[in-house]
Every structure is written in C-alpha cells, then in structure tokens.
Amino acid sequence: MKRNPAFRLGMARVLLGLLAVAALVACGGGGGGATGQTADGHRLYGSNCALCHGQGGVGKPALGKDLRNNEFLAGMTDDQVVEFLKEGRRADHPLNEKGVDMPPKGGNPGLSDDDLRQIVAYLRSLS
C-alpha cells in the first residue's frame, strides 16, 4: 500500500515533535511543573552561572557551590537573592568558601532584574 507524500510529511512532523518532547524531558526541561519563567531561568543560568556552579546547580570544586537545596539561598527571599546576585561576592568575603570572586550578575552586566528573577525561579526549582 503506497502512502501519499502529505501523509508521510504529517507523520514525520509528529515523530519530530515526539522526539523533541523526549529530549526536553531527558534534559530536565519538561514535566515537573516547569513554568515559562523557570525555563527562561534555566537558559539564563546555563549561559551565566553554570560555568562555575555546574549544570543543574551541582557546583564545581574550587569554583562554585552546589546550589541544590542550598541553605544560604533557602534563608533568603527572592528579592534578597536578586540583590545578592546584583552585588556578587568578593573572594576575600568571610562567607566565600571557594576563594574565587563571584562577579556581580555572574559577570554579565546586561542581565536585568527580571532576568535575575528568572534565574532565582530556576534555582528554587532545584530544591
């Protein structure tokens, strides 16, 4: 039985859509009640924070702390975390356990307060 080209194209689109959903779920980008803000925060985190704090906030030895279930973050409101991200933390700060500067806004002065709020929403989703 010969299928027409329109049917094949439609099936290919369905298959591609299913593959895209599977890839999102496998990468942690689907399910779990992720919101648009969390997804944007994940993207922003990946391009501004992950170099030191690792993908998924797992931390990196000698660079950045593990941000999953982090007591420091848990003890602050979202607005307080935004202010902290805006200021960063110098290497010589008494609470800096890694001895490495955390630059304001992760070194990206172009991040807006809204961008930082989205990163905070993503960080909260890691707990």
C-alpha atoms as a PDB file:
ATOM      1  CA  MET A   1       0.000   0.000   0.000  1.00  0.00           C
ATOM      2  CA  LYS A   2       1.510   3.284  -1.119  1.00  0.00           C
ATOM      3  CA  ARG A   3       1.182   6.313   1.195  1.00  0.00           C
ATOM      4  CA  ASN A   4       0.822   9.771  -0.227  1.00  0.00           C
ATOM      5  CA  PRO A   5       3.531  12.404   0.426  1.00  0.00           C
ATOM      6  CA  ALA A   6       1.258  14.543   2.630  1.00  0.00           C
ATOM      7  CA  PHE A   7       0.692  11.587   4.969  1.00  0.00           C
ATOM      8  CA  ARG A   8       4.451  10.931   5.175  1.00  0.00           C
ATOM      9  CA  LEU A   9       5.149  14.597   5.906  1.00  0.00           C
ATOM     10  CA  GLY A  10       2.495  14.647   8.637  1.00  0.00           C
ATOM     11  CA  MET A  11       3.910  11.505  10.243  1.00  0.00           C
ATOM     12  CA  ALA A  12       7.431  12.946  10.077  1.00  0.00           C
ATOM     13  CA  ARG A  13       6.231  16.082  11.895  1.00  0.00           C
ATOM     14  CA  VAL A  14       4.538  14.018  14.597  1.00  0.00           C
ATOM     15  CA  LEU A  15       7.665  11.929  15.039  1.00  0.00           C
ATOM     16  CA  LEU A  16       9.868  15.029  15.265  1.00  0.00           C
ATOM     17  CA  GLY A  17       7.522  16.533  17.828  1.00  0.00           C
ATOM     18  CA  LEU A  18       7.669  13.396  19.961  1.00  0.00           C
ATOM     19  CA  LEU A  19      11.457  13.342  19.725  1.00  0.00           C
ATOM     20  CA  ALA A  20      11.605  16.994  20.810  1.00  0.00           C
ATOM     21  CA  VAL A  21       9.410  16.292  23.843  1.00  0.00           C
ATOM     22  CA  ALA A  22      11.534  13.260  24.752  1.00  0.00           C
ATOM     23  CA  ALA A  23      14.711  15.352  24.506  1.00  0.00           C
ATOM     24  CA  LEU A  24      13.207  18.071  26.716  1.00  0.00           C
ATOM     25  CA  VAL A  25      12.196  15.578  29.361  1.00  0.00           C
ATOM     26  CA  ALA A  26      15.596  13.844  29.237  1.00  0.00           C
ATOM     27  CA  CYS A  27      17.358  17.189  29.743  1.00  0.00           C
ATOM     28  CA  GLY A  28      15.144  18.174  32.648  1.00  0.00           C
ATOM     29  CA  GLY A  29      13.282  20.771  30.623  1.00  0.00           C
ATOM     30  CA  GLY A  30       9.877  19.141  30.668  1.00  0.00           C
ATOM     31  CA  GLY A  31       7.444  17.960  33.273  1.00  0.00           C
ATOM     32  CA  GLY A  32       7.770  18.839  36.928  1.00  0.00           C
ATOM     33  CA  GLY A  33       5.513  21.840  36.535  1.00  0.00           C
ATOM     34  CA  ALA A  34       8.156  23.955  34.825  1.00  0.00           C
ATOM     35  CA  THR A  35       6.885  27.415  34.080  1.00  0.00           C
ATOM     36  CA  GLY A  36       7.987  29.760  31.336  1.00  0.00           C
ATOM     37  CA  GLN A  37       9.886  31.733  33.967  1.00  0.00           C
ATOM     38  CA  THR A  38      11.688  28.591  35.161  1.00  0.00           C
ATOM     39  CA  ALA A  39      12.545  27.622  31.579  1.00  0.00           C
ATOM     40  CA  ASP A  40      13.893  31.111  30.854  1.00  0.00           C
ATOM     41  CA  GLY A  41      15.785  30.991  34.147  1.00  0.00           C
ATOM     42  CA  HIS A  42      17.300  27.643  33.170  1.00  0.00           C
ATOM     43  CA  ARG A  43      18.513  29.159  29.892  1.00  0.00           C
ATOM     44  CA  LEU A  44      19.897  32.260  31.616  1.00  0.00           C
ATOM     45  CA  TYR A  45      21.515  30.158  34.346  1.00  0.00           C
ATOM     46  CA  GLY A  46      23.164  27.979  31.706  1.00  0.00           C
ATOM     47  CA  SER A  47      24.752  30.929  29.959  1.00  0.00           C
ATOM     48  CA  ASN A  48      25.711  32.958  33.048  1.00  0.00           C
ATOM     49  CA  CYS A  49      26.100  30.737  36.118  1.00  0.00           C
ATOM     50  CA  ALA A  50      26.763  27.155  35.037  1.00  0.00           C
ATOM     51  CA  LEU A  51      30.430  27.733  34.251  1.00  0.00           C
ATOM     52  CA  CYS A  52      31.136  27.960  37.995  1.00  0.00           C
ATOM     53  CA  HIS A  53      28.071  26.360  39.578  1.00  0.00           C
ATOM     54  CA  GLY A  54      27.670  23.479  37.117  1.00  0.00           C
ATOM     55  CA  GLN A  55      24.734  22.352  35.018  1.00  0.00           C
ATOM     56  CA  GLY A  56      21.756  21.793  37.276  1.00  0.00           C
ATOM     57  CA  GLY A  57      23.461  23.708  40.106  1.00  0.00           C
ATOM     58  CA  VAL A  58      25.621  20.760  41.209  1.00  0.00           C
ATOM     59  CA  GLY A  59      28.594  23.017  41.960  1.00  0.00           C
ATOM     60  CA  LYS A  60      32.175  22.746  40.771  1.00  0.00           C
ATOM     61  CA  PRO A  61      35.169  22.120  43.023  1.00  0.00           C
ATOM     62  CA  ALA A  62      37.227  25.265  43.656  1.00  0.00           C
ATOM     63  CA  LEU A  63      34.765  27.411  41.660  1.00  0.00           C
ATOM     64  CA  GLY A  64      31.139  27.500  42.742  1.00  0.00           C
ATOM     65  CA  LYS A  65      28.981  25.991  45.462  1.00  0.00           C
ATOM     66  CA  ASP A  66      26.265  23.405  44.982  1.00  0.00           C
ATOM     67  CA  LEU A  67      23.035  25.395  44.659  1.00  0.00           C
ATOM     68  CA  ARG A  68      20.627  22.481  45.061  1.00  0.00           C
ATOM     69  CA  ASN A  69      18.876  22.588  48.448  1.00  0.00           C
ATOM     70  CA  ASN A  70      21.282  25.378  49.386  1.00  0.00           C
ATOM     71  CA  GLU A  71      20.686  26.709  52.927  1.00  0.00           C
ATOM     72  CA  PHE A  72      22.034  30.168  52.080  1.00  0.00           C
ATOM     73  CA  LEU A  73      19.512  30.572  49.250  1.00  0.00           C
ATOM     74  CA  ALA A  74      16.720  28.956  51.256  1.00  0.00           C
ATOM     75  CA  GLY A  75      17.199  31.559  54.000  1.00  0.00           C
ATOM     76  CA  MET A  76      16.539  34.485  51.661  1.00  0.00           C
ATOM     77  CA  THR A  77      13.526  35.852  49.853  1.00  0.00           C
ATOM     78  CA  ASP A  78      13.603  36.038  46.068  1.00  0.00           C
ATOM     79  CA  ASP A  79      14.232  39.792  46.248  1.00  0.00           C
ATOM     80  CA  GLN A  80      17.174  39.225  48.596  1.00  0.00           C
ATOM     81  CA  VAL A  81      18.682  36.665  46.213  1.00  0.00           C
ATOM     82  CA  VAL A  82      18.279  39.121  43.318  1.00  0.00           C
ATOM     83  CA  GLU A  83      20.134  41.767  45.349  1.00  0.00           C
ATOM     84  CA  PHE A  84      22.860  39.248  46.202  1.00  0.00           C
ATOM     85  CA  LEU A  85      23.254  38.342  42.508  1.00  0.00           C
ATOM     86  CA  LYS A  86      23.473  42.036  41.627  1.00  0.00           C
ATOM     87  CA  GLU A  87      26.288  42.544  44.143  1.00  0.00           C
ATOM     88  CA  GLY A  88      28.181  39.272  43.773  1.00  0.00           C
ATOM     89  CA  ARG A  89      30.712  38.184  46.390  1.00  0.00           C
ATOM     90  CA  ARG A  90      34.402  39.005  46.550  1.00  0.00           C
ATOM     91  CA  ALA A  91      36.933  36.229  47.073  1.00  0.00           C
ATOM     92  CA  ASP A  92      38.017  37.747  50.397  1.00  0.00           C
ATOM     93  CA  HIS A  93      34.466  37.819  51.837  1.00  0.00           C
ATOM     94  CA  PRO A  94      34.343  35.755  55.060  1.00  0.00           C
ATOM     95  CA  LEU A  95      31.478  33.597  53.739  1.00  0.00           C
ATOM     96  CA  ASN A  96      33.225  32.880  50.429  1.00  0.00           C
ATOM     97  CA  GLU A  97      34.383  29.299  50.930  1.00  0.00           C
ATOM     98  CA  LYS A  98      35.872  28.892  47.450  1.00  0.00           C
ATOM     99  CA  GLY A  99      38.187  31.915  47.464  1.00  0.00           C
ATOM    100  CA  VAL A 100      37.028  32.909  43.980  1.00  0.00           C
ATOM    101  CA  ASP A 101      35.205  36.112  43.093  1.00  0.00           C
ATOM    102  CA  MET A 102      31.568  35.731  42.163  1.00  0.00           C
ATOM    103  CA  PRO A 103      31.168  38.748  39.900  1.00  0.00           C
ATOM    104  CA  PRO A 104      28.021  40.875  40.045  1.00  0.00           C
ATOM    105  CA  LYS A 105      25.352  39.405  37.786  1.00  0.00           C
ATOM    106  CA  GLY A 106      27.647  36.478  37.043  1.00  0.00           C
ATOM    107  CA  GLY A 107      29.866  38.823  35.062  1.00  0.00           C
ATOM    108  CA  ASN A 108      27.083  39.830  32.698  1.00  0.00           C
ATOM    109  CA  PRO A 109      26.134  43.476  33.337  1.00  0.00           C
ATOM    110  CA  GLY A 110      23.392  43.146  30.709  1.00  0.00           C
ATOM    111  CA  LEU A 111      21.233  40.969  32.965  1.00  0.00           C
ATOM    112  CA  SER A 112      18.114  42.842  34.079  1.00  0.00           C
ATOM    113  CA  ASP A 113      16.346  42.436  37.406  1.00  0.00           C
ATOM    114  CA  ASP A 114      13.726  40.384  35.560  1.00  0.00           C
ATOM    115  CA  ASP A 115      16.464  38.101  34.179  1.00  0.00           C
ATOM    116  CA  LEU A 116      17.806  37.652  37.705  1.00  0.00           C
ATOM    117  CA  ARG A 117      14.297  36.843  38.999  1.00  0.00           C
ATOM    118  CA  GLN A 118      14.023  34.165  36.335  1.00  0.00           C
ATOM    119  CA  ILE A 119      17.355  32.699  37.445  1.00  0.00           C
ATOM    120  CA  VAL A 120      16.082  32.719  41.042  1.00  0.00           C
ATOM    121  CA  ALA A 121      12.908  30.888  39.947  1.00  0.00           C
ATOM    122  CA  TYR A 122      15.104  28.261  38.292  1.00  0.00           C
ATOM    123  CA  LEU A 123      17.285  27.956  41.409  1.00  0.00           C
ATOM    124  CA  ARG A 124      14.177  27.482  43.555  1.00  0.00           C
ATOM    125  CA  SER A 125      13.101  24.657  41.246  1.00  0.00           C
ATOM    126  CA  LEU A 126      16.328  22.777  42.075  1.00  0.00           C
ATOM    127  CA  SER A 127      15.296  22.285  45.724  1.00  0.00           C
END
